[in-house]
Amino acid sequence: MALKPLRDRILKDGRCFEGGILKVDRFINHQMDPYLMKQCAVELIRRFAGAPVNKILTVEASGIAPAIMLGYLMELPVVFAKKKKPSTMGDMYVSTVTSFTKHRDYTIVISKEYLTAEDHVLFVDDFLAFGNAGRGIIDLCRQAGATIEGMGFIIEKAFQHGREALVAEGVKCIESLAIIESLENNVIKLKE
């Protein structure tokens, strides 16, 4: 079931373009609506209430805002995978992710200091499309021996089958606050 304020905002301010692109930069990933972000975080907390999470994980940059809000409300640390290796980072886990919107591969890294076998992770991101960022996080968690308790997304584009890819990787709990069934003819069709 879609989060109603998010659903309403997607229909009001979301724009779609050829190639399955949904632009929500008016309220999620460029200009942000903090009140809507808080509503999303509260709903994710409700949906993952039974999960023994001790760390929130995301990928820079668009996942940081929902992850920070979630971490703040849950009083948990937030770690984001960086897209460029900082010169100050020593020992790290490394994975490669393909960007749907930028049409290129990039490397993501997390310091071994901030992801360990003791961690029970909730991964949060703005979009679930093909599942590429999620698969990168799964790879990093496997390298660290960390447990993924679940993955939460603000918007899922169901027609790009990312959920199936993540389930095939062994993720048991995936929650999306709004699911787009289609963007055909540049019309946003949300799942009820």
Protein backbone atom coordinates (compact mmCIF):
# COMPACT_ATOMS: atom_id res chain seq x y z
CA MET A 1 0.00 0.00 0.00
CA ALA A 2 1.41 3.36 -1.04
CA LEU A 3 2.03 6.09 1.52
CA LYS A 4 -0.74 8.54 0.60
CA PRO A 5 1.19 11.83 1.00
CA LEU A 6 3.99 10.40 -1.16
CA ARG A 7 1.55 9.07 -3.75
CA ASP A 8 -0.20 12.44 -3.95
CA ARG A 9 3.10 14.27 -4.32
CA ILE A 10 4.34 11.94 -7.09
CA LEU A 11 1.14 12.54 -9.04
CA LYS A 12 1.27 16.31 -8.45
CA ASP A 13 4.99 17.06 -8.92
CA GLY A 14 6.53 13.97 -10.54
CA ARG A 15 7.45 14.16 -14.21
CA CYS A 16 8.30 11.31 -16.51
CA PHE A 17 10.48 11.09 -19.57
CA GLU A 18 11.15 8.53 -22.29
CA GLY A 19 13.10 5.46 -21.22
CA GLY A 20 11.32 4.86 -17.91
CA ILE A 21 12.67 7.93 -16.11
CA LEU A 22 10.62 9.45 -13.30
CA LYS A 23 11.85 12.85 -12.16
CA VAL A 24 11.06 13.69 -8.53
CA ASP A 25 13.71 16.35 -8.02
CA ARG A 26 11.10 18.85 -6.81
CA PHE A 27 10.68 16.99 -3.51
CA ILE A 28 13.08 14.03 -3.10
CA ASN A 29 16.46 14.09 -4.80
CA HIS A 30 17.40 17.69 -5.53
CA GLN A 31 15.04 20.01 -3.71
CA MET A 32 13.80 18.07 -0.69
CA ASP A 33 10.62 18.21 1.35
CA PRO A 34 11.78 17.44 4.91
CA TYR A 35 8.25 16.92 6.19
CA LEU A 36 7.51 14.35 3.47
CA MET A 37 10.91 12.72 4.16
CA LYS A 38 9.92 12.42 7.83
CA GLN A 39 6.59 10.82 6.86
CA CYS A 40 8.49 8.33 4.69
CA ALA A 41 10.90 7.53 7.53
CA VAL A 42 8.06 7.01 10.01
CA GLU A 43 6.36 4.60 7.59
CA LEU A 44 9.62 2.67 7.02
CA ILE A 45 10.05 2.38 10.80
CA ARG A 46 6.54 0.94 11.02
CA ARG A 47 7.19 -1.56 8.23
CA PHE A 48 10.52 -2.75 9.66
CA ALA A 49 9.43 -2.66 13.32
CA GLY A 50 10.34 -6.29 14.03
CA ALA A 51 13.77 -6.26 12.38
CA PRO A 52 16.82 -6.31 14.68
CA VAL A 53 18.57 -3.41 12.89
CA ASN A 54 21.63 -1.69 14.35
CA LYS A 55 22.80 0.28 11.29
CA ILE A 56 21.24 2.14 8.35
CA LEU A 57 23.08 1.88 5.03
CA THR A 58 22.65 3.81 1.78
CA VAL A 59 24.56 4.96 -1.30
CA GLU A 60 25.47 8.58 -1.95
CA ALA A 61 23.90 10.88 -2.80
CA SER A 62 20.10 10.57 -3.14
CA GLY A 63 19.76 7.93 -0.43
CA ILE A 64 21.41 10.07 2.23
CA ALA A 65 18.37 12.24 3.08
CA PRO A 66 15.95 9.36 3.79
CA ALA A 67 18.70 7.40 5.56
CA ILE A 68 19.59 10.32 7.85
CA MET A 69 15.94 10.91 8.73
CA LEU A 70 15.47 7.20 9.44
CA GLY A 71 18.69 7.01 11.47
CA TYR A 72 17.69 10.08 13.46
CA LEU A 73 14.25 8.72 14.33
CA MET A 74 15.58 5.21 15.10
CA GLU A 75 18.65 6.60 16.91
CA LEU A 76 20.97 4.46 14.77
CA PRO A 77 24.20 5.24 12.92
CA VAL A 78 23.96 5.87 9.18
CA VAL A 79 26.71 4.81 6.76
CA PHE A 80 26.69 5.72 3.12
CA ALA A 81 28.73 3.96 0.48
CA LYS A 82 30.93 6.53 -1.23
CA LYS A 83 31.22 6.69 -4.99
CA LYS A 84 34.83 7.82 -4.86
CA LYS A 85 37.56 6.43 -2.65
CA PRO A 86 38.75 9.20 -0.33
CA SER A 87 42.52 9.53 -0.01
CA THR A 88 42.08 9.23 3.77
CA MET A 89 40.33 5.84 3.59
CA GLY A 90 42.53 2.82 4.21
CA ASP A 91 41.00 -0.65 4.47
CA MET A 92 37.69 -0.84 2.62
CA TYR A 93 35.13 -3.02 0.92
CA VAL A 94 34.67 -2.29 -2.79
CA SER A 95 31.91 -3.11 -5.28
CA THR A 96 30.83 -1.92 -8.72
CA VAL A 97 27.37 -0.55 -9.48
CA THR A 98 25.75 0.38 -12.79
CA SER A 99 23.85 3.67 -12.73
CA PHE A 100 20.53 3.52 -14.60
CA THR A 101 20.19 7.29 -14.95
CA LYS A 102 23.86 8.08 -15.69
CA HIS A 103 24.45 5.05 -17.96
CA ARG A 104 27.82 4.16 -16.47
CA ASP A 105 29.51 1.93 -13.91
CA TYR A 106 30.93 3.35 -10.73
CA THR A 107 32.78 1.97 -7.75
CA ILE A 108 31.26 2.18 -4.28
CA VAL A 109 33.32 1.84 -1.12
CA ILE A 110 32.70 1.50 2.62
CA SER A 111 35.44 1.56 5.23
CA LYS A 112 35.91 -1.75 7.02
CA GLU A 113 35.73 0.30 10.21
CA TYR A 114 32.02 1.09 9.59
CA LEU A 115 30.65 -2.22 8.31
CA THR A 116 31.35 -5.41 10.26
CA ALA A 117 30.06 -8.92 10.82
CA GLU A 118 28.20 -7.64 13.91
CA ASP A 119 26.03 -5.32 11.82
CA HIS A 120 22.37 -5.96 11.07
CA VAL A 121 21.69 -3.57 8.22
CA LEU A 122 18.64 -1.81 6.86
CA PHE A 123 19.43 -0.45 3.37
CA VAL A 124 17.45 2.63 2.33
CA ASP A 125 17.41 4.41 -1.02
CA ASP A 126 15.25 6.81 -3.02
CA PHE A 127 14.57 4.45 -5.95
CA LEU A 128 14.39 0.76 -6.69
CA ALA A 129 14.68 0.34 -10.47
CA PHE A 130 16.86 -2.54 -11.67
CA GLY A 131 18.25 -3.20 -8.18
CA ASN A 132 21.82 -2.25 -9.07
CA ALA A 133 22.56 -0.16 -5.97
CA GLY A 134 20.97 -2.83 -3.78
CA ARG A 135 23.13 -5.53 -5.36
CA GLY A 136 26.22 -3.42 -4.72
CA ILE A 137 25.23 -3.10 -1.05
CA ILE A 138 24.58 -6.86 -0.86
CA ASP A 139 28.10 -7.43 -2.19
CA LEU A 140 29.63 -5.06 0.39
CA CYS A 141 27.66 -6.69 3.22
CA ARG A 142 28.74 -10.17 2.10
CA GLN A 143 32.37 -9.05 2.10
CA ALA A 144 31.93 -7.74 5.65
CA GLY A 145 29.86 -10.69 6.89
CA ALA A 146 27.07 -8.23 7.79
CA THR A 147 23.41 -9.30 7.76
CA ILE A 148 20.87 -7.46 5.61
CA GLU A 149 17.63 -7.35 7.59
CA GLY A 150 15.74 -5.51 4.88
CA MET A 151 15.71 -2.93 2.13
CA GLY A 152 13.41 0.08 2.01
CA PHE A 153 12.77 2.34 -0.95
CA ILE A 154 10.79 5.52 -1.34
CA ILE A 155 9.77 4.71 -4.93
CA GLU A 156 9.90 1.39 -6.79
CA LYS A 157 9.58 1.15 -10.56
CA ALA A 158 8.06 -2.34 -10.69
CA PHE A 159 8.34 -2.60 -14.47
CA GLN A 160 12.16 -2.60 -14.17
CA HIS A 161 12.11 -5.76 -11.97
CA GLY A 162 14.65 -4.70 -9.34
CA ARG A 163 12.65 -6.40 -6.59
CA GLU A 164 13.01 -9.76 -8.33
CA ALA A 165 16.77 -9.23 -8.71
CA LEU A 166 17.15 -8.48 -4.98
CA VAL A 167 14.97 -11.44 -3.95
CA ALA A 168 17.15 -13.65 -6.17
CA GLU A 169 20.15 -12.37 -4.17
CA GLY A 170 18.48 -13.55 -0.95
CA VAL A 171 16.90 -10.35 0.41
CA LYS A 172 13.85 -11.47 2.36
CA CYS A 173 12.18 -8.18 3.27
CA ILE A 174 11.75 -5.40 0.71
CA GLU A 175 9.42 -2.47 1.30
CA SER A 176 8.56 0.34 -1.10
CA LEU A 177 6.45 3.33 -0.10
CA ALA A 178 5.12 3.91 -3.63
CA ILE A 179 5.19 1.47 -6.53
CA ILE A 180 5.09 2.71 -10.11
CA GLU A 181 3.47 0.12 -12.38
CA SER A 182 4.08 1.99 -15.62
CA LEU A 183 5.37 5.21 -17.15
CA GLU A 184 4.09 4.33 -20.62
CA ASN A 185 3.21 7.32 -22.81
CA ASN A 186 4.75 9.52 -20.08
CA VAL A 187 1.80 8.83 -17.77
CA ILE A 188 2.52 7.86 -14.15
CA LYS A 189 0.53 4.76 -13.18
CA LEU A 190 0.83 3.91 -9.48
CA LYS A 191 -0.06 0.57 -7.92
CA GLU A 192 -3.08 0.89 -5.66
